[in-house]
Amino acid sequence: MAVVDFLLALLSGALLALSFPRYGHPAFAWIALVPLLIALSWPALSRADGHMRRSASRAFTLGLLSGVVYFVGTIYWTGAVLRTFGGLASPLAILAMLLLALYLALFPALTALAASRLLGRLGLRALLLVPALWVATEYLRGYLFGGFPWVPLGNSQVTVLPVAQLASVLGVYGLSALVAYVNGSLVYVLLAKGRARVIAAALAALTLAAVGGWGAWRVADGALTRAGAPIRIGLLQGNIAQEDKWNPREARRIFTTYVAMTRDAVRRGAEFVIWPESSTPFMFEEDPGGGEALRALAREVQVPMLFGSDQIDRSGDVIRLYNAAFLLTPNGETGAVYRKIHLVPFGEYIPFKEWLYFVSPLVERLAEFAPGTSAVMLPVGEHAISTAICYEVVYPSLIREAVLAGSQLLTTITNDAWYGYSSAPYQHFELASMRSIEQGRYLARAANTGISGIVDPYGRVVTRSGIFEEIGLVGDARILTGRTMYAQIGDLIAYMAMGLTLVALVTVRERRHIWQSKSRI
């Protein structure tokens, strides 16, 4: 492998990482794949089997290099979390982070492998298939083994509002396809000759202009900000240090902090108050005194309250522990309970723990949670809302399922204290914001240490906090009932991308066999 190819792959990985917060900018995403695609397009591939095998190995390695840099640059904070709160020694924590990054890098590597195969048979025309290849593997990354759909390429554009509106039609994977298409077109323009490069440049420019123009009109129109019923929401950010959350000596301070913040939010006009994930310093259903104090608070302030608290289920043969969200009605009754469906690997359960023997300190510390089974509608007055707990808000299909079940307002509660001052809280907030555009819903987010906030259906931030500040936000949202195109069709573009990728690869393989047969005659 040439040194230049190696450097190009590393550059693509760095540009991909720099497309996301905290230190990046969305503009980098539009050129992030260009260096890698140039490296994949350069070789004049021979039809010889041995050369094809060498090209395949080269492409996979280049994609893997890009992917490792991409994910080390965006999930580096997992090492610190495992060291600080998981009890792993620094070398083991770093190793665990690198193994996760290496696994995630397999998906860009598969993209590069497929692109190389198609480039070898179709020439530069195969660059037109790059959006399908990228989306197919990116979707699989968010699905296989429970999935880890963190920082998909399309999410880099969530703050570029005119472009981000495409998510209301095709979801985040549609945005990924658009960004990958522009990258592929740039490479075609750089490497092709004649009129074809002019046509490719014009088509990419027209596509981007059309998407951006329509998106700018949609945001300016803002019809969803005038529809539905208004609701004023209080978001409580207690800023409780992770090491204090379950310290018995801190329990009274934690609880009285949230009680005082609730009263203050209601005095400021909040009609619905949201506490963060695991915000009670006791298990709501297991502590009669604490539970009754919360019910009395709901009756006092006369507004619905949503809060996170662990739940123990003893109804079956096996006792199960759930990460749950409780909705208290204004009369202090439990209106509904939602149990977290997508659990955090290494945080709430250990995947493949029989193989990952080196994380034994983490296994010994961890009380494993059971996953919930379905979305639950939470009653707020006459309306139905939904919630997502922590990391599961990054799953587009889960939030879509809630909207199809009748959710008129999206909420999410989280505890991002684990992540410290890293990029993770900023990435997490923007991943959550994408769900509001996809579903055409307001999203209210309460985070223990930030970022808390309200995002409108166009991705505009109505109000937000900083990280590691104690603050109660009160902001306006609206209860909405309409459905976006994406809510109706879901990840159709991802299914089409996988189908197109499969057809292209099979067709190329068949043509290769036909050529080989003719060459022997």
Protein backbone atom coordinates (compact mmCIF):
# COMPACT_ATOMS: atom_id res chain seq x y z
CA MET A 1 0.00 0.00 0.00
CA ALA A 2 1.44 3.35 -1.02
CA VAL A 3 2.17 5.88 1.69
CA VAL A 4 -0.04 8.40 -0.12
CA ASP A 5 -3.00 6.00 0.03
CA PHE A 6 -2.37 5.49 3.74
CA LEU A 7 -2.32 9.25 4.34
CA LEU A 8 -5.47 9.79 2.28
CA ALA A 9 -7.34 7.19 4.34
CA LEU A 10 -6.19 8.80 7.58
CA LEU A 11 -7.23 12.21 6.27
CA SER A 12 -10.74 10.97 5.49
CA GLY A 13 -11.04 9.57 9.01
CA ALA A 14 -9.90 12.86 10.51
CA LEU A 15 -12.35 14.87 8.37
CA LEU A 16 -15.20 12.54 9.35
CA ALA A 17 -14.39 13.01 13.03
CA LEU A 18 -14.16 16.78 12.54
CA SER A 19 -17.66 16.83 11.04
CA PHE A 20 -19.17 16.47 14.53
CA PRO A 21 -19.12 18.46 17.76
CA ARG A 22 -17.53 19.42 20.06
CA TYR A 23 -14.49 20.41 18.00
CA GLY A 24 -15.72 19.96 14.45
CA HIS A 25 -17.85 21.74 11.86
CA PRO A 26 -20.52 20.33 9.51
CA ALA A 27 -18.71 21.71 6.45
CA PHE A 28 -16.02 19.04 6.77
CA ALA A 29 -18.58 16.30 6.03
CA TRP A 30 -19.00 17.47 2.43
CA ILE A 31 -15.39 16.61 1.63
CA ALA A 32 -14.69 13.95 4.27
CA LEU A 33 -14.97 10.95 1.95
CA VAL A 34 -13.08 12.54 -0.93
CA PRO A 35 -9.54 11.48 0.09
CA LEU A 36 -10.60 7.86 0.68
CA LEU A 37 -12.54 7.68 -2.57
CA ILE A 38 -9.59 9.09 -4.49
CA ALA A 39 -7.36 6.40 -3.01
CA LEU A 40 -9.90 3.75 -4.00
CA SER A 41 -10.33 5.15 -7.53
CA TRP A 42 -6.67 5.52 -8.49
CA PRO A 43 -5.66 1.93 -9.25
CA ALA A 44 -6.22 0.64 -12.76
CA LEU A 45 -7.58 -2.70 -11.62
CA SER A 46 -6.63 -5.77 -13.58
CA ARG A 47 -9.15 -8.45 -14.43
CA ALA A 48 -6.81 -11.05 -12.96
CA ASP A 49 -8.18 -12.80 -9.88
CA GLY A 50 -4.99 -12.33 -7.88
CA HIS A 51 -4.96 -8.61 -8.55
CA MET A 52 -8.64 -8.39 -7.61
CA ARG A 53 -7.89 -10.09 -4.30
CA ARG A 54 -5.01 -7.71 -3.60
CA SER A 55 -7.23 -4.74 -4.47
CA ALA A 56 -9.94 -6.03 -2.15
CA SER A 57 -7.48 -6.36 0.73
CA ARG A 58 -6.10 -2.89 0.03
CA ALA A 59 -9.56 -1.31 -0.09
CA PHE A 60 -10.69 -2.99 3.11
CA THR A 61 -7.55 -1.83 4.91
CA LEU A 62 -7.95 1.74 3.71
CA GLY A 63 -11.59 1.80 4.80
CA LEU A 64 -10.65 0.32 8.15
CA LEU A 65 -8.00 2.98 8.71
CA SER A 66 -10.47 5.74 7.90
CA GLY A 67 -13.06 4.16 10.17
CA VAL A 68 -10.71 3.75 13.13
CA VAL A 69 -9.69 7.43 13.00
CA TYR A 70 -13.35 8.44 12.48
CA PHE A 71 -14.56 6.60 15.56
CA VAL A 72 -11.58 7.12 17.84
CA GLY A 73 -12.08 10.82 17.12
CA THR A 74 -15.77 10.72 18.05
CA ILE A 75 -16.10 8.06 20.78
CA TYR A 76 -12.76 8.61 22.53
CA TRP A 77 -14.71 9.52 25.67
CA THR A 78 -15.82 5.90 26.21
CA GLY A 79 -12.33 5.12 27.51
CA ALA A 80 -12.57 7.79 30.21
CA VAL A 81 -16.04 6.57 31.22
CA LEU A 82 -14.85 2.98 31.61
CA ARG A 83 -11.80 4.11 33.58
CA THR A 84 -13.55 6.59 35.89
CA PHE A 85 -16.85 4.84 36.52
CA GLY A 86 -16.21 1.28 35.36
CA GLY A 87 -13.13 0.71 37.47
CA LEU A 88 -10.94 -0.43 34.57
CA ALA A 89 -7.25 0.35 34.60
CA SER A 90 -6.32 3.00 32.03
CA PRO A 91 -4.66 0.55 29.59
CA LEU A 92 -7.72 -1.73 29.66
CA ALA A 93 -10.10 1.21 29.28
CA ILE A 94 -8.15 2.45 26.27
CA LEU A 95 -8.09 -1.07 24.83
CA ALA A 96 -11.87 -1.38 25.23
CA MET A 97 -12.38 1.95 23.46
CA LEU A 98 -10.07 0.91 20.63
CA LEU A 99 -11.85 -2.42 20.23
CA LEU A 100 -15.19 -0.63 19.97
CA ALA A 101 -13.75 1.79 17.41
CA LEU A 102 -12.26 -1.13 15.48
CA TYR A 103 -15.63 -2.90 15.39
CA LEU A 104 -17.42 0.24 14.18
CA ALA A 105 -14.67 0.79 11.59
CA LEU A 106 -15.61 -2.51 9.96
CA PHE A 107 -18.61 -0.78 8.37
CA PRO A 108 -16.66 1.93 6.50
CA ALA A 109 -14.23 -0.85 5.60
CA LEU A 110 -17.07 -2.82 3.99
CA THR A 111 -18.12 0.33 2.14
CA ALA A 112 -14.59 0.73 0.79
CA LEU A 113 -14.43 -2.95 -0.17
CA ALA A 114 -17.70 -2.77 -2.11
CA ALA A 115 -16.70 0.53 -3.75
CA SER A 116 -13.38 -0.92 -4.85
CA ARG A 117 -15.07 -3.93 -6.42
CA LEU A 118 -17.53 -1.74 -8.32
CA LEU A 119 -14.87 0.76 -9.37
CA GLY A 120 -12.84 -2.10 -10.78
CA ARG A 121 -15.72 -3.18 -13.01
CA LEU A 122 -17.66 0.01 -13.71
CA GLY A 123 -14.90 2.58 -13.57
CA LEU A 124 -15.64 6.03 -12.17
CA ARG A 125 -19.34 5.53 -12.84
CA ALA A 126 -19.34 3.43 -9.65
CA LEU A 127 -18.95 6.64 -7.66
CA LEU A 128 -22.66 7.21 -8.29
CA LEU A 129 -23.27 4.17 -6.08
CA VAL A 130 -21.29 5.51 -3.12
CA PRO A 131 -24.43 6.91 -1.40
CA ALA A 132 -26.07 3.48 -1.49
CA LEU A 133 -22.94 1.72 -0.26
CA TRP A 134 -22.42 4.16 2.61
CA VAL A 135 -26.05 4.17 3.75
CA ALA A 136 -26.32 0.38 3.55
CA THR A 137 -23.40 -0.19 5.90
CA GLU A 138 -24.26 2.76 8.14
CA TYR A 139 -27.77 1.40 8.62
CA LEU A 140 -26.36 -2.03 9.47
CA ARG A 141 -24.08 -0.40 12.05
CA GLY A 142 -27.17 0.91 13.80
CA TYR A 143 -28.92 -2.45 13.68
CA LEU A 144 -26.57 -5.44 14.10
CA PHE A 145 -26.03 -6.76 17.65
CA GLY A 146 -28.38 -4.15 19.04
CA GLY A 147 -26.77 -1.41 16.95
CA PHE A 148 -24.69 1.66 17.72
CA PRO A 149 -26.02 4.46 15.47
CA TRP A 150 -23.78 7.13 17.00
CA VAL A 151 -22.67 10.01 14.73
CA PRO A 152 -24.12 8.84 11.38
CA LEU A 153 -22.81 10.98 8.53
CA GLY A 154 -26.15 12.73 7.98
CA ASN A 155 -26.31 13.93 11.58
CA SER A 156 -23.37 16.22 10.89
CA GLN A 157 -25.86 18.53 9.12
CA VAL A 158 -28.46 18.85 11.89
CA THR A 159 -27.47 22.46 12.56
CA VAL A 160 -27.45 23.33 8.83
CA LEU A 161 -31.21 23.80 8.93
CA PRO A 162 -32.04 24.22 5.20
CA VAL A 163 -30.26 20.96 4.36
CA ALA A 164 -31.38 19.15 7.53
CA GLN A 165 -35.05 19.44 6.52
CA LEU A 166 -34.49 16.52 4.16
CA ALA A 167 -34.66 14.36 7.30
CA SER A 168 -38.41 15.07 7.50
CA VAL A 169 -38.75 13.15 4.23
CA LEU A 170 -35.96 10.56 4.23
CA GLY A 171 -34.63 10.56 7.77
CA VAL A 172 -31.02 10.88 8.86
CA TYR A 173 -29.99 8.18 6.38
CA GLY A 174 -31.36 10.31 3.56
CA LEU A 175 -29.05 13.08 4.72
CA SER A 176 -26.18 10.60 4.83
CA ALA A 177 -26.96 9.66 1.23
CA LEU A 178 -26.94 13.32 0.16
CA VAL A 179 -23.60 14.04 1.81
CA ALA A 180 -22.07 10.86 0.37
CA TYR A 181 -23.45 11.75 -3.08
CA VAL A 182 -21.76 15.15 -3.02
CA ASN A 183 -18.49 13.53 -1.93
CA GLY A 184 -18.70 10.99 -4.77
CA SER A 185 -19.52 13.70 -7.27
CA LEU A 186 -16.50 15.77 -6.20
CA VAL A 187 -14.22 12.81 -6.79
CA TYR A 188 -15.80 12.18 -10.18
CA VAL A 189 -15.23 15.82 -11.14
CA LEU A 190 -11.61 15.59 -10.03
CA LEU A 191 -10.78 12.34 -11.84
CA ALA A 192 -13.07 12.15 -14.88
CA LYS A 193 -12.50 13.85 -18.21
CA GLY A 194 -14.59 15.70 -20.74
CA ARG A 195 -18.23 16.73 -20.51
CA ALA A 196 -19.03 14.03 -17.96
CA ARG A 197 -17.32 15.93 -15.17
CA VAL A 198 -19.25 19.11 -16.01
CA ILE A 199 -22.54 17.20 -15.96
CA ALA A 200 -21.63 15.57 -12.62
CA ALA A 201 -20.76 18.93 -11.07
CA ALA A 202 -23.95 20.54 -12.38
CA LEU A 203 -26.17 17.71 -11.12
CA ALA A 204 -24.62 17.78 -7.64
CA ALA A 205 -24.94 21.57 -7.46
CA LEU A 206 -28.56 21.47 -8.62
CA THR A 207 -29.43 18.71 -6.15
CA LEU A 208 -27.89 20.59 -3.25
CA ALA A 209 -29.52 23.85 -4.31
CA ALA A 210 -32.93 22.18 -4.62
CA VAL A 211 -32.67 20.52 -1.20
CA GLY A 212 -31.34 23.68 0.44
CA GLY A 213 -33.88 25.94 -1.25
CA TRP A 214 -36.83 23.77 -0.29
CA GLY A 215 -35.46 23.41 3.24
CA ALA A 216 -34.98 27.16 3.64
CA TRP A 217 -38.59 27.71 2.53
CA ARG A 218 -39.84 25.05 4.96
CA VAL A 219 -38.02 26.62 7.91
CA ALA A 220 -39.15 30.15 6.98
CA ASP A 221 -42.75 28.99 6.61
CA GLY A 222 -42.70 27.45 10.09
CA ALA A 223 -46.25 26.13 9.90
CA LEU A 224 -45.66 23.59 12.66
CA THR A 225 -44.79 26.35 15.13
CA ARG A 226 -48.35 27.66 14.76
CA ALA A 227 -50.18 24.33 14.74
CA GLY A 228 -51.48 22.33 17.66
CA ALA A 229 -51.89 23.32 21.28
CA PRO A 230 -49.23 25.28 23.19
CA ILE A 231 -47.61 23.86 26.32
CA ARG A 232 -45.06 25.41 28.65
CA ILE A 233 -42.46 22.92 29.85
CA GLY A 234 -40.08 23.03 32.80
CA LEU A 235 -36.77 21.19 32.38
CA LEU A 236 -34.75 20.57 35.52
CA GLN A 237 -30.99 20.21 35.40
CA GLY A 238 -29.86 19.44 38.94
CA ASN A 239 -26.17 19.11 38.05
CA ILE A 240 -25.63 16.24 40.48
CA ALA A 241 -22.13 14.79 40.32
CA GLN A 242 -22.09 11.12 39.35
CA GLU A 243 -20.25 10.13 42.54
CA ASP A 244 -22.97 11.86 44.62
CA LYS A 245 -26.04 10.35 42.99
CA TRP A 246 -26.22 7.25 45.18
CA ASN A 247 -24.39 8.62 48.21
CA PRO A 248 -26.87 8.33 51.13
CA ARG A 249 -25.44 11.47 52.72
CA GLU A 250 -26.34 13.44 49.58
CA ALA A 251 -29.86 12.04 49.13
CA ARG A 252 -31.65 14.79 51.04
CA ARG A 253 -29.77 17.56 49.23
CA ILE A 254 -30.47 16.00 45.83
CA PHE A 255 -34.17 15.56 46.48
CA THR A 256 -34.73 19.00 47.99
CA THR A 257 -32.85 20.54 45.04
CA TYR A 258 -35.29 19.02 42.57
CA VAL A 259 -38.31 19.87 44.74
CA ALA A 260 -37.27 23.53 44.90
CA MET A 261 -36.55 23.63 41.16
CA THR A 262 -39.98 22.10 40.44
CA ARG A 263 -41.77 24.74 42.47
CA ASP A 264 -39.76 27.49 40.79
CA ALA A 265 -40.54 26.15 37.29
CA VAL A 266 -44.27 26.04 38.07
CA ARG A 267 -44.15 29.59 39.44
CA ARG A 268 -42.65 30.60 36.08
CA GLY A 269 -45.58 29.08 34.23
CA ALA A 270 -44.53 25.47 33.57
CA GLU A 271 -47.50 23.24 32.82
CA PHE A 272 -45.42 20.06 32.66
CA VAL A 273 -42.18 19.42 34.55
CA ILE A 274 -39.46 16.98 33.51
CA TRP A 275 -36.70 15.68 35.77
CA PRO A 276 -33.65 13.87 34.30
CA GLU A 277 -32.90 10.15 34.10
CA SER A 278 -32.41 8.39 37.47
CA SER A 279 -32.98 11.74 39.18
CA THR A 280 -34.51 10.43 42.41
CA PRO A 281 -31.91 9.38 45.03
CA PHE A 282 -34.13 6.39 45.79
CA MET A 283 -36.21 3.87 43.89
CA PHE A 284 -39.62 5.51 43.55
CA GLU A 285 -41.65 2.33 44.07
CA GLU A 286 -39.32 0.86 46.71
CA ASP A 287 -39.12 3.84 49.08
CA PRO A 288 -42.58 4.60 50.59
CA GLY A 289 -41.47 7.88 52.16
CA GLY A 290 -39.72 9.20 49.06
CA GLY A 291 -42.50 8.01 46.79
CA GLU A 292 -45.18 9.71 48.83
CA ALA A 293 -43.14 12.94 48.95
CA LEU A 294 -43.07 12.96 45.15
CA ARG A 295 -46.81 12.30 44.92
CA ALA A 296 -47.47 15.09 47.41
CA LEU A 297 -45.33 17.45 45.29
CA ALA A 298 -47.37 16.62 42.19
CA ARG A 299 -50.58 17.35 44.09
CA GLU A 300 -49.11 20.60 45.41
CA VAL A 301 -47.96 22.03 42.07
CA GLN A 302 -50.90 20.54 40.12
CA VAL A 303 -48.94 19.73 36.96
CA PRO A 304 -47.84 16.41 35.44
CA MET A 305 -44.29 15.37 36.38
CA LEU A 306 -41.98 13.05 34.44
CA PHE A 307 -38.90 11.69 36.18
CA GLY A 308 -36.44 8.83 35.95
CA SER A 309 -36.08 6.17 38.63
CA ASP A 310 -35.06 2.52 38.62
CA GLN A 311 -37.84 -0.04 38.91
CA ILE A 312 -37.85 -3.60 40.23
CA ASP A 313 -40.35 -6.05 38.73
CA ARG A 314 -41.10 -9.05 40.93
CA SER A 315 -44.15 -10.23 39.00
CA GLY A 316 -42.41 -13.06 37.12
CA ASP A 317 -40.24 -16.02 38.03
CA VAL A 318 -37.15 -13.81 37.71
CA ILE A 319 -36.75 -10.47 39.46
CA ARG A 320 -35.91 -7.81 36.87
CA LEU A 321 -34.36 -4.37 37.20
CA TYR A 322 -35.42 -1.65 34.77
CA ASN A 323 -34.22 1.85 33.98
CA ALA A 324 -37.62 3.52 34.00
CA ALA A 325 -39.45 6.81 33.58
CA PHE A 326 -42.56 7.54 35.67
CA LEU A 327 -45.33 9.98 34.80
CA LEU A 328 -47.21 11.39 37.79
CA THR A 329 -50.55 13.07 37.13
CA PRO A 330 -51.53 16.31 38.94
CA ASN A 331 -53.46 14.25 41.51
CA GLY A 332 -50.29 12.32 42.40
CA GLU A 333 -51.20 9.05 40.72
CA THR A 334 -48.88 7.07 38.45
CA GLY A 335 -50.18 7.80 34.98
CA ALA A 336 -47.76 5.49 33.13
CA VAL A 337 -44.34 3.88 33.35
CA TYR A 338 -41.91 3.54 30.46
CA ARG A 339 -39.07 1.03 30.63
CA LYS A 340 -35.93 1.73 28.65
CA ILE A 341 -35.70 -0.53 25.58
CA HIS A 342 -32.21 0.10 24.18
CA LEU A 343 -29.71 -0.38 26.99
CA VAL A 344 -26.21 1.10 26.96
CA PRO A 345 -23.55 -1.55 26.30
CA PHE A 346 -20.96 -1.65 29.11
CA GLY A 347 -23.10 0.81 31.06
CA GLU A 348 -26.31 -1.13 31.68
CA TYR A 349 -25.33 -4.56 30.42
CA ILE A 350 -22.20 -6.34 29.24
CA PRO A 351 -22.45 -7.69 25.67
CA PHE A 352 -20.56 -10.93 25.00
CA LYS A 353 -19.32 -10.88 28.60
CA GLU A 354 -18.28 -14.53 28.41
CA TRP A 355 -15.67 -13.45 25.83
CA LEU A 356 -14.72 -10.06 27.24
CA TYR A 357 -13.05 -11.52 30.33
CA PHE A 358 -10.68 -8.57 30.69
CA VAL A 359 -13.55 -6.27 31.73
CA SER A 360 -14.24 -8.36 34.84
CA PRO A 361 -13.92 -5.31 37.17
CA LEU A 362 -16.75 -3.69 35.22
CA VAL A 363 -18.89 -6.85 35.38
CA GLU A 364 -18.47 -7.02 39.16
CA ARG A 365 -19.60 -3.39 39.58
CA LEU A 366 -22.51 -3.52 37.18
CA ALA A 367 -26.10 -4.29 38.16
CA GLU A 368 -27.46 -5.43 34.81
CA PHE A 369 -30.77 -4.00 33.65
CA ALA A 370 -33.45 -5.80 31.69
CA PRO A 371 -34.73 -4.11 28.51
CA GLY A 372 -38.27 -2.86 28.14
CA THR A 373 -40.39 -4.26 25.33
CA SER A 374 -42.47 -1.46 23.80
CA ALA A 375 -43.16 2.25 23.56
CA VAL A 376 -45.56 3.59 26.19
CA MET A 377 -47.75 6.66 25.83
CA LEU A 378 -47.62 9.01 28.81
CA PRO A 379 -50.77 11.07 29.52
CA VAL A 380 -50.26 14.82 29.88
CA GLY A 381 -53.70 16.29 30.19
CA GLU A 382 -55.67 15.11 27.18
CA HIS A 383 -52.54 14.50 25.15
CA ALA A 384 -50.20 11.54 24.69
CA ILE A 385 -46.46 12.05 24.82
CA SER A 386 -43.49 9.70 24.73
CA THR A 387 -40.06 9.61 26.27
CA ALA A 388 -36.71 8.06 25.47
CA ILE A 389 -34.14 7.42 28.15
CA CYS A 390 -30.56 8.50 27.50
CA TYR A 391 -28.84 6.85 24.56
CA GLU A 392 -31.91 5.27 23.00
CA VAL A 393 -32.92 8.63 21.51
CA VAL A 394 -30.23 8.02 18.87
CA TYR A 395 -32.37 5.23 17.35
CA PRO A 396 -34.60 6.78 14.63
CA SER A 397 -36.88 3.74 14.42
CA LEU A 398 -37.65 3.77 18.16
CA ILE A 399 -38.80 7.40 18.10
CA ARG A 400 -40.79 6.77 14.92
CA GLU A 401 -42.50 3.83 16.63
CA ALA A 402 -43.59 6.16 19.44
CA VAL A 403 -45.02 8.71 16.99
CA LEU A 404 -46.91 6.00 15.12
CA ALA A 405 -48.30 4.88 18.49
CA GLY A 406 -49.70 8.40 18.99
CA SER A 407 -46.99 10.52 20.58
CA GLN A 408 -47.68 14.24 20.12
CA LEU A 409 -44.58 15.50 21.93
CA LEU A 410 -41.13 13.93 22.18
CA THR A 411 -39.22 14.01 25.44
CA THR A 412 -35.94 12.50 26.48
CA ILE A 413 -34.34 12.25 29.90
CA THR A 414 -30.67 11.53 30.38
CA ASN A 415 -27.73 11.60 32.74
CA ASP A 416 -24.66 12.69 30.78
CA ALA A 417 -22.53 13.24 33.89
CA TRP A 418 -20.59 10.14 32.84
CA TYR A 419 -19.10 11.97 29.87
CA GLY A 420 -17.52 14.88 31.71
CA TYR A 421 -16.44 17.80 29.53
CA SER A 422 -15.88 15.61 26.46
CA SER A 423 -17.61 15.84 23.08
CA ALA A 424 -20.27 13.32 24.11
CA PRO A 425 -22.87 15.71 25.64
CA TYR A 426 -22.72 17.90 22.52
CA GLN A 427 -22.96 14.93 20.17
CA HIS A 428 -25.83 13.49 22.21
CA PHE A 429 -27.83 16.72 22.08
CA GLU A 430 -27.47 16.99 18.30
CA LEU A 431 -28.39 13.33 17.80
CA ALA A 432 -31.57 13.96 19.81
CA SER A 433 -32.30 17.13 17.84
CA MET A 434 -32.40 15.15 14.59
CA ARG A 435 -35.42 13.22 15.89
CA SER A 436 -37.47 16.43 16.09
CA ILE A 437 -36.90 17.15 12.38
CA GLU A 438 -37.57 13.56 11.34
CA GLN A 439 -40.85 13.36 13.19
CA GLY A 440 -42.11 16.96 12.97
CA ARG A 441 -42.38 17.17 16.75
CA TYR A 442 -41.10 19.42 19.48
CA LEU A 443 -38.51 17.67 21.61
CA ALA A 444 -37.91 18.48 25.29
CA ARG A 445 -34.72 17.18 26.88
CA ALA A 446 -33.84 17.13 30.58
CA ALA A 447 -30.24 16.18 31.33
CA ASN A 448 -28.73 15.90 34.80
CA THR A 449 -25.59 17.87 33.89
CA GLY A 450 -26.65 19.20 30.47
CA ILE A 451 -27.35 19.78 27.74
CA SER A 452 -31.05 20.35 28.50
CA GLY A 453 -33.30 22.15 26.07
CA ILE A 454 -36.28 22.35 23.74
CA VAL A 455 -35.94 21.86 19.98
CA ASP A 456 -38.69 22.77 17.53
CA PRO A 457 -39.86 20.56 14.61
CA TYR A 458 -37.37 22.24 12.26
CA GLY A 459 -34.34 21.60 14.46
CA ARG A 460 -34.19 25.13 15.86
CA VAL A 461 -33.17 25.30 19.51
CA VAL A 462 -35.86 27.17 21.46
CA THR A 463 -33.88 27.13 24.71
CA ARG A 464 -30.88 25.23 25.99
CA SER A 465 -28.53 25.03 28.93
CA GLY A 466 -24.79 24.71 29.17
CA ILE A 467 -23.11 21.69 30.69
CA PHE A 468 -22.40 21.34 34.41
CA GLU A 469 -24.66 24.12 35.60
CA GLU A 470 -27.61 23.87 37.96
CA ILE A 471 -30.51 25.43 36.09
CA GLY A 472 -34.23 25.15 35.57
CA LEU A 473 -35.33 26.00 32.05
CA VAL A 474 -38.90 26.95 31.18
CA GLY A 475 -39.79 27.11 27.51
CA ASP A 476 -42.66 26.89 25.07
CA ALA A 477 -43.50 23.93 22.86
CA ARG A 478 -46.57 22.72 21.02
CA ILE A 479 -48.54 19.50 20.96
CA LEU A 480 -48.63 18.28 17.34
CA THR A 481 -50.56 15.50 15.62
CA GLY A 482 -49.49 15.57 11.95
CA ARG A 483 -46.95 13.16 10.53
CA THR A 484 -43.96 13.80 8.33
CA MET A 485 -43.22 11.77 5.24
CA TYR A 486 -40.43 10.07 7.16
CA ALA A 487 -42.83 9.06 9.93
CA GLN A 488 -44.93 7.34 7.29
CA ILE A 489 -42.23 5.59 5.23
CA GLY A 490 -39.50 5.11 7.82
CA ASP A 491 -36.05 4.08 6.67
CA LEU A 492 -37.15 3.16 3.17
CA ILE A 493 -34.04 4.79 1.72
CA ALA A 494 -31.85 2.49 3.81
CA TYR A 495 -33.71 -0.59 2.54
CA MET A 496 -33.38 0.70 -1.03
CA ALA A 497 -29.66 1.33 -0.47
CA MET A 498 -29.12 -2.21 0.76
CA GLY A 499 -31.09 -3.61 -2.16
CA LEU A 500 -29.22 -1.51 -4.72
CA THR A 501 -25.88 -2.47 -3.19
CA LEU A 502 -26.72 -6.15 -3.33
CA VAL A 503 -27.96 -5.95 -6.93
CA ALA A 504 -24.87 -4.00 -8.03
CA LEU A 505 -22.45 -6.42 -6.41
CA VAL A 506 -24.24 -9.51 -7.74
CA THR A 507 -24.48 -8.03 -11.24
CA VAL A 508 -20.79 -7.17 -11.26
CA ARG A 509 -19.91 -10.66 -10.11
CA GLU A 510 -22.04 -12.24 -12.85
CA ARG A 511 -20.45 -10.05 -15.53
CA ARG A 512 -17.05 -11.01 -14.22
CA HIS A 513 -17.85 -14.73 -14.59
CA ILE A 514 -19.24 -14.17 -18.11
CA TRP A 515 -16.03 -12.34 -19.11
CA GLN A 516 -13.90 -15.13 -17.66
CA SER A 517 -15.91 -17.77 -19.56
CA LYS A 518 -15.54 -15.91 -22.85
CA SER A 519 -11.82 -15.47 -22.28
CA ARG A 520 -11.36 -19.26 -22.09
CA ILE A 521 -13.14 -19.93 -25.39
